[in-house]
Amino acid sequence: MDARDIALQGVMPTVMAPRYTELEQLDTPGNRILMAANGVWLEVCRAWLYARIRLAPPIRIPVPYGIVREEMRFGFGKLPKAMVAQFIELARVRSPNECAAWIIWNQRTDAWKLMMLEETSVGPGHVIVNLPTLESDEHLVMDLHSHGLTEAFFSRTDNKDDKGEVKIAGVIGNLNQAAVTASFRLGANGVFLPLPFECPQGQGGNT
């Protein structure tokens, strides 16, 4: 096999799910494709996340593979809703312009940090930012941005920007109203899964 193929497949290997034993889950940061009797799956492992997500239904011929179950679990406790509330208040001040922030989890200290991102261009319909460099123990968990006076939704630009990343993305909109709108999803290498998210108490909102 060409060395370039070996390198590519090493980044995203394909594993056949065993039928008679348990699948040994990925336990180091990375991604795998799982071939199973019940479809094709993406397996993702990060310090803060383990997930198995079905990508495609089963093929039509009998296959010697086992079953894979959907799973999603986080390496921390609860998501820091207080920091989402803090971002909403900061976004209200900046409205009608958009703004963006990261919520970062420190694996060593189990501490959370809200980081407002430096803007290079901003307006009521866009925000372009410089992306910060994190320390080795820090992990981007939530990527937030606001929509000013408009409703929260993920745009084509958001889909393009989030493709290939593993993170929770959130959009907050209608910041001129008492009850904001909110939309959250898990992005995993171009696969987007809607996530239920209840706005912090006093913020109102819909998901």
Foldseek 3Di string as FASTA:
>chain_A
DDPVVVVVCVQEPEEFAAAPDHDDADDAAGWYWYQAQQAIWIWGDDLFKTWIGHDGGGDDDDDRGHDDDTDIDTNADDDDLVVVVVVLVVQLVVPLKKWKWFWKAFQVVRDIDIGTFAFPDIDNADTDGDDDDDDPRIDGAEIEMENHQDADDQDPVNLVVLAQHFYKYKYWHNSVDQAIAMWIWTGDNSDTGTDDDARPPRRHYYD
